[in-house]
Protein backbone atom coordinates (compact mmCIF):
# COMPACT_ATOMS: atom_id res chain seq x y z
CA UNK A 1 -40.67 33.84 -9.30
CA UNK A 2 -37.09 33.56 -10.57
CA UNK A 3 -36.79 31.26 -13.57
CA UNK A 4 -33.28 30.05 -12.59
CA UNK A 5 -32.49 28.73 -9.10
CA UNK A 6 -29.11 28.85 -7.34
CA UNK A 7 -28.53 25.10 -7.81
CA UNK A 8 -29.25 25.22 -11.56
CA UNK A 9 -27.46 26.07 -14.78
CA UNK A 10 -28.76 27.41 -18.07
CA UNK A 11 -27.26 25.58 -21.06
CA UNK A 12 -27.26 26.83 -24.64
CA UNK A 13 -28.33 24.21 -27.21
CA UNK A 14 -26.89 26.23 -30.12
CA UNK A 15 -30.26 25.95 -31.87
CA UNK A 16 -32.28 29.13 -32.47
CA UNK A 17 -30.97 30.55 -29.20
CA UNK A 18 -32.81 27.90 -27.16
CA UNK A 19 -31.49 27.27 -23.66
CA UNK A 20 -32.38 24.54 -21.15
CA UNK A 21 -32.39 24.74 -17.36
CA UNK A 22 -30.68 21.84 -15.55
CA UNK A 23 -29.65 20.97 -12.01
CA UNK A 24 -25.94 21.32 -11.33
CA UNK A 25 -25.65 18.02 -9.46
CA UNK A 26 -28.68 15.96 -10.55
CA UNK A 27 -29.67 14.19 -13.78
CA UNK A 28 -28.45 16.06 -16.87
CA UNK A 29 -29.10 15.21 -20.50
CA UNK A 30 -26.49 13.23 -22.43
CA UNK A 31 -25.48 12.51 -25.99
CA UNK A 32 -28.16 9.81 -26.34
CA UNK A 33 -30.99 12.35 -26.01
CA UNK A 34 -29.32 14.70 -28.51
CA UNK A 35 -28.88 11.84 -31.00
CA UNK A 36 -32.52 10.80 -30.54
CA UNK A 37 -33.80 14.30 -31.31
CA UNK A 38 -31.58 14.47 -34.40
CA UNK A 39 -32.70 10.99 -35.55
CA UNK A 40 -36.44 11.68 -35.26
CA UNK A 41 -38.20 12.70 -38.47
CA UNK A 42 -41.12 14.98 -37.72
CA UNK A 43 -43.35 15.95 -40.67
CA UNK A 44 -44.12 19.62 -41.26
CA UNK A 45 -47.01 20.52 -38.98
CA UNK A 46 -46.73 17.17 -37.19
CA UNK A 47 -47.53 16.65 -33.52
CA UNK A 48 -45.17 14.94 -31.07
CA UNK A 49 -45.30 13.29 -27.65
CA UNK A 50 -42.00 12.77 -25.86
CA UNK A 51 -42.16 10.10 -23.14
CA UNK A 52 -39.65 9.98 -20.24
CA UNK A 53 -38.93 13.63 -21.02
CA UNK A 54 -36.58 14.41 -18.14
CA UNK A 55 -35.20 17.94 -18.48
CA UNK A 56 -37.09 18.33 -21.75
CA UNK A 57 -34.05 18.26 -23.99
CA UNK A 58 -35.70 16.31 -26.84
CA UNK A 59 -38.75 18.61 -27.15
CA UNK A 60 -36.53 21.71 -27.08
CA UNK A 61 -34.24 20.38 -29.82
CA UNK A 62 -37.24 19.34 -31.93
CA UNK A 63 -38.77 22.79 -31.45
CA UNK A 64 -35.61 24.33 -32.86
CA UNK A 65 -34.85 21.84 -35.63
CA UNK A 66 -38.27 20.83 -36.98
CA UNK A 67 -41.54 22.41 -38.05
CA UNK A 68 -43.63 20.44 -35.57
CA UNK A 69 -46.93 22.07 -34.70
CA UNK A 70 -46.80 21.13 -31.00
CA UNK A 71 -44.70 18.94 -28.71
CA UNK A 72 -45.87 17.48 -25.38
CA UNK A 73 -43.38 16.07 -22.90
CA UNK A 74 -44.52 13.46 -20.36
CA UNK A 75 -42.37 12.97 -17.25
CA UNK A 76 -43.19 11.18 -13.98
CA UNK A 77 -40.89 13.29 -11.79
CA UNK A 78 -42.77 16.46 -10.85
CA UNK A 79 -39.64 18.51 -10.10
CA UNK A 80 -38.31 17.76 -13.59
CA UNK A 81 -41.60 18.91 -15.14
CA UNK A 82 -41.59 22.12 -13.09
CA UNK A 83 -38.05 22.86 -14.24
CA UNK A 84 -38.83 22.03 -17.90
CA UNK A 85 -41.86 24.34 -17.84
CA UNK A 86 -39.61 27.13 -16.57
CA UNK A 87 -37.37 26.46 -19.59
CA UNK A 88 -40.45 26.98 -21.78
CA UNK A 89 -41.03 30.40 -20.21
CA UNK A 90 -37.35 31.30 -20.49
CA UNK A 91 -37.47 30.58 -24.24
CA UNK A 92 -40.99 31.97 -24.82
CA UNK A 93 -42.10 28.66 -26.35
CA UNK A 94 -45.52 28.41 -24.67
CA UNK A 95 -47.21 28.05 -28.07
CA UNK A 96 -44.90 25.20 -29.12
CA UNK A 97 -44.16 22.96 -26.10
CA UNK A 98 -45.87 21.77 -22.94
CA UNK A 99 -44.75 19.40 -20.19
CA UNK A 100 -47.12 17.22 -18.19
CA UNK A 101 -46.39 15.40 -14.96
CA UNK A 102 -47.72 11.88 -15.32
CA UNK A 103 -47.09 8.16 -15.54
CA UNK A 104 -47.12 6.65 -19.03
CA UNK A 105 -48.79 3.58 -17.50
CA UNK A 106 -51.78 5.75 -16.48
CA UNK A 107 -54.57 4.76 -18.89
CA UNK A 108 -56.68 7.80 -17.99
CA UNK A 109 -53.79 10.12 -18.80
CA UNK A 110 -53.18 8.43 -22.15
CA UNK A 111 -56.87 8.77 -23.06
CA UNK A 112 -56.66 12.54 -22.48
CA UNK A 113 -53.66 12.96 -24.76
CA UNK A 114 -54.26 13.73 -28.45
CA UNK A 115 -53.25 11.21 -31.10
CA UNK A 116 -49.91 12.29 -32.56
CA UNK A 117 -47.78 11.71 -35.64
CA UNK A 118 -44.57 11.00 -33.72
CA UNK A 119 -43.51 9.60 -30.36
CA UNK A 120 -39.95 10.07 -29.12
CA UNK A 121 -38.65 8.25 -26.06
CA UNK A 122 -35.38 7.87 -24.19
CA UNK A 123 -36.50 5.14 -21.75
CA UNK A 124 -34.65 3.55 -18.84
CA UNK A 125 -32.13 1.13 -20.36
CA UNK A 126 -31.42 -1.33 -17.58
CA UNK A 127 -33.69 -4.11 -16.37
CA UNK A 128 -35.13 -3.40 -12.94
CA UNK A 129 -33.31 -6.28 -11.25
CA UNK A 130 -29.92 -5.71 -12.91
CA UNK A 131 -27.48 -4.67 -10.20
CA UNK A 132 -27.91 -2.76 -6.96
CA UNK A 133 -30.40 0.09 -7.30
CA UNK A 134 -31.21 2.89 -4.84
CA UNK A 135 -34.92 3.40 -5.43
CA UNK A 136 -34.70 6.95 -4.02
CA UNK A 137 -32.00 7.93 -6.51
CA UNK A 138 -33.47 10.07 -9.33
CA UNK A 139 -30.60 9.06 -11.63
CA UNK A 140 -31.48 5.41 -11.01
CA UNK A 141 -35.07 6.16 -12.08
CA UNK A 142 -33.74 7.43 -15.39
CA UNK A 143 -31.45 4.42 -15.96
CA UNK A 144 -33.34 1.42 -14.55
CA UNK A 145 -36.83 0.11 -15.31
CA UNK A 146 -38.16 1.18 -11.92
CA UNK A 147 -41.17 3.27 -12.99
CA UNK A 148 -41.76 1.73 -16.42
CA UNK A 149 -40.61 -1.19 -18.53
CA UNK A 150 -39.90 -1.46 -22.23
CA UNK A 151 -43.33 -3.05 -22.69
CA UNK A 152 -44.99 -0.16 -20.85
CA UNK A 153 -43.30 2.29 -23.22
CA UNK A 154 -44.42 0.39 -26.34
CA UNK A 155 -48.01 0.04 -25.11
CA UNK A 156 -48.23 3.76 -24.28
CA UNK A 157 -46.78 4.69 -27.65
CA UNK A 158 -49.31 2.56 -29.51
CA UNK A 159 -52.16 4.24 -27.62
CA UNK A 160 -51.12 7.80 -28.54
CA UNK A 161 -49.87 7.25 -32.10
CA UNK A 162 -52.06 7.81 -35.13
CA UNK A 163 -52.31 4.87 -37.54
CA UNK A 164 -48.97 4.63 -39.39
CA UNK A 165 -47.46 7.07 -36.89
CA UNK A 166 -43.79 6.67 -36.00
CA UNK A 167 -41.88 6.05 -32.80
CA UNK A 168 -38.23 7.06 -32.39
CA UNK A 169 -36.37 5.42 -29.52
CA UNK A 170 -32.81 5.43 -28.22
CA UNK A 171 -31.65 2.38 -26.30
CA UNK A 172 -28.76 -0.01 -25.76
CA UNK A 173 -27.70 -2.61 -28.38
CA UNK A 174 -27.79 -5.46 -25.85
CA UNK A 175 -31.58 -4.94 -25.56
CA UNK A 176 -32.25 -5.22 -29.31
CA UNK A 177 -33.82 -8.69 -29.10
CA UNK A 178 -36.18 -7.46 -26.35
CA UNK A 179 -37.00 -4.33 -28.35
CA UNK A 180 -37.79 -6.15 -31.60
CA UNK A 181 -39.90 -8.81 -29.90
CA UNK A 182 -41.86 -6.31 -27.83
CA UNK A 183 -42.48 -3.96 -30.74
CA UNK A 184 -43.79 -6.76 -32.96
CA UNK A 185 -45.90 -8.16 -30.13
CA UNK A 186 -47.88 -4.89 -30.11
CA UNK A 187 -47.80 -4.30 -33.90
CA UNK A 188 -45.26 -1.49 -33.76
CA UNK A 189 -43.01 -2.61 -36.60
CA UNK A 190 -39.26 -1.85 -36.50
CA UNK A 191 -38.40 0.07 -39.69
CA UNK A 192 -34.99 1.74 -39.28
CA UNK A 193 -31.92 0.95 -37.13
CA UNK A 194 -28.84 3.12 -36.64
CA UNK A 195 -25.92 1.95 -34.52
CA UNK A 196 -23.76 4.44 -32.62
CA UNK A 197 -20.14 3.64 -31.73
CA UNK A 198 -17.91 5.48 -29.22
CA UNK A 199 -15.13 5.28 -31.84
CA UNK A 200 -13.85 2.94 -34.56
CA UNK A 201 -12.73 -0.44 -33.25
CA UNK A 202 -15.10 -0.37 -30.27
CA UNK A 203 -18.46 -2.07 -29.86
CA UNK A 204 -21.62 0.02 -30.34
CA UNK A 205 -23.11 1.41 -27.13
CA UNK A 206 -26.21 3.20 -28.44
CA UNK A 207 -28.89 2.14 -30.91
CA UNK A 208 -31.50 4.38 -32.53
CA UNK A 209 -34.74 2.72 -33.64
CA UNK A 210 -37.63 3.92 -35.77
CA UNK A 211 -40.90 1.97 -35.65
CA UNK A 212 -44.23 2.37 -37.41
CA UNK A 213 -47.68 1.63 -36.03
CA UNK A 214 -49.15 -1.20 -38.15
CA UNK A 215 -46.17 -0.91 -40.54
CA UNK A 216 -45.13 -3.58 -43.01
CA UNK A 217 -42.21 -5.91 -42.33
CA UNK A 218 -39.16 -4.22 -43.82
CA UNK A 219 -36.08 -3.20 -41.81
CA UNK A 220 -33.49 -0.70 -43.04
CA UNK A 221 -30.03 -0.21 -41.53
CA UNK A 222 -28.69 3.35 -41.70
CA UNK A 223 -24.95 4.07 -41.86
CA UNK A 224 -23.31 3.83 -38.45
CA UNK A 225 -22.40 6.91 -36.43
CA UNK A 226 -19.07 7.33 -34.63
CA UNK A 227 -18.88 9.77 -31.72
CA UNK A 228 -15.10 10.18 -31.40
CA UNK A 229 -12.12 10.11 -33.72
CA UNK A 230 -9.18 7.88 -32.79
CA UNK A 231 -7.44 10.90 -31.19
CA UNK A 232 -10.45 11.52 -28.94
CA UNK A 233 -11.88 14.52 -30.83
CA UNK A 234 -15.54 14.54 -31.78
CA UNK A 235 -16.24 13.43 -35.35
CA UNK A 236 -17.47 15.91 -37.93
CA UNK A 237 -20.93 14.31 -37.85
CA UNK A 238 -21.23 14.77 -34.08
CA UNK A 239 -20.01 18.37 -34.33
CA UNK A 240 -22.65 19.00 -36.99
CA UNK A 241 -25.38 17.48 -34.81
CA UNK A 242 -24.33 19.74 -31.94
CA UNK A 243 -24.34 22.79 -34.19
CA UNK A 244 -20.57 23.31 -33.99
CA UNK A 245 -20.12 23.21 -37.77
């Protein structure tokens, strides 16, 4: 079987030669997933579960940038999982990454998963009933809470995290109140916040959150990140994250 189909591209992550297969005209990873993978702190030899894995971008970046022992991606869309597993073969990372087709609301699935040190998740940002949604649109599934809600994500994370394990999430700033309340409701304490701005003078459009299972109540704000300079160029920090410097 060919690893790359006619309607797909192979994209270089500029990390240890790792490349990811993506559809030309379907959902493709964005800057939020790259920022999430860079934000996550995985201990040496630590284990990771990535929920809402999509094309698998977060596990592949973590495989290249960290010394994680093993990374499991969970994704509900079977075609995405099939494509991500082909990316594993392309990069010869069978001993480092695996992708599983499944629903994070499936209690039986969660029971079968090992307890891990870290959970990463790039969940749907928009409330299910916010705006007109085509339920057959795979991009809509990635953006709207059609298949899972914020609460579903937090509950699943608590079930697979070891005590004091950490969750790293990327979301939208307008959902911060929901995120904080839901995390505390299930004893997943917010510990670190980092705001991401398109450029100086504009409102933040991405927030990165670190939480700890059964953690104490102390919240740290990291320095903000700006994606673009005033002239439209990427900032030095973004170029460094993307491996361009």
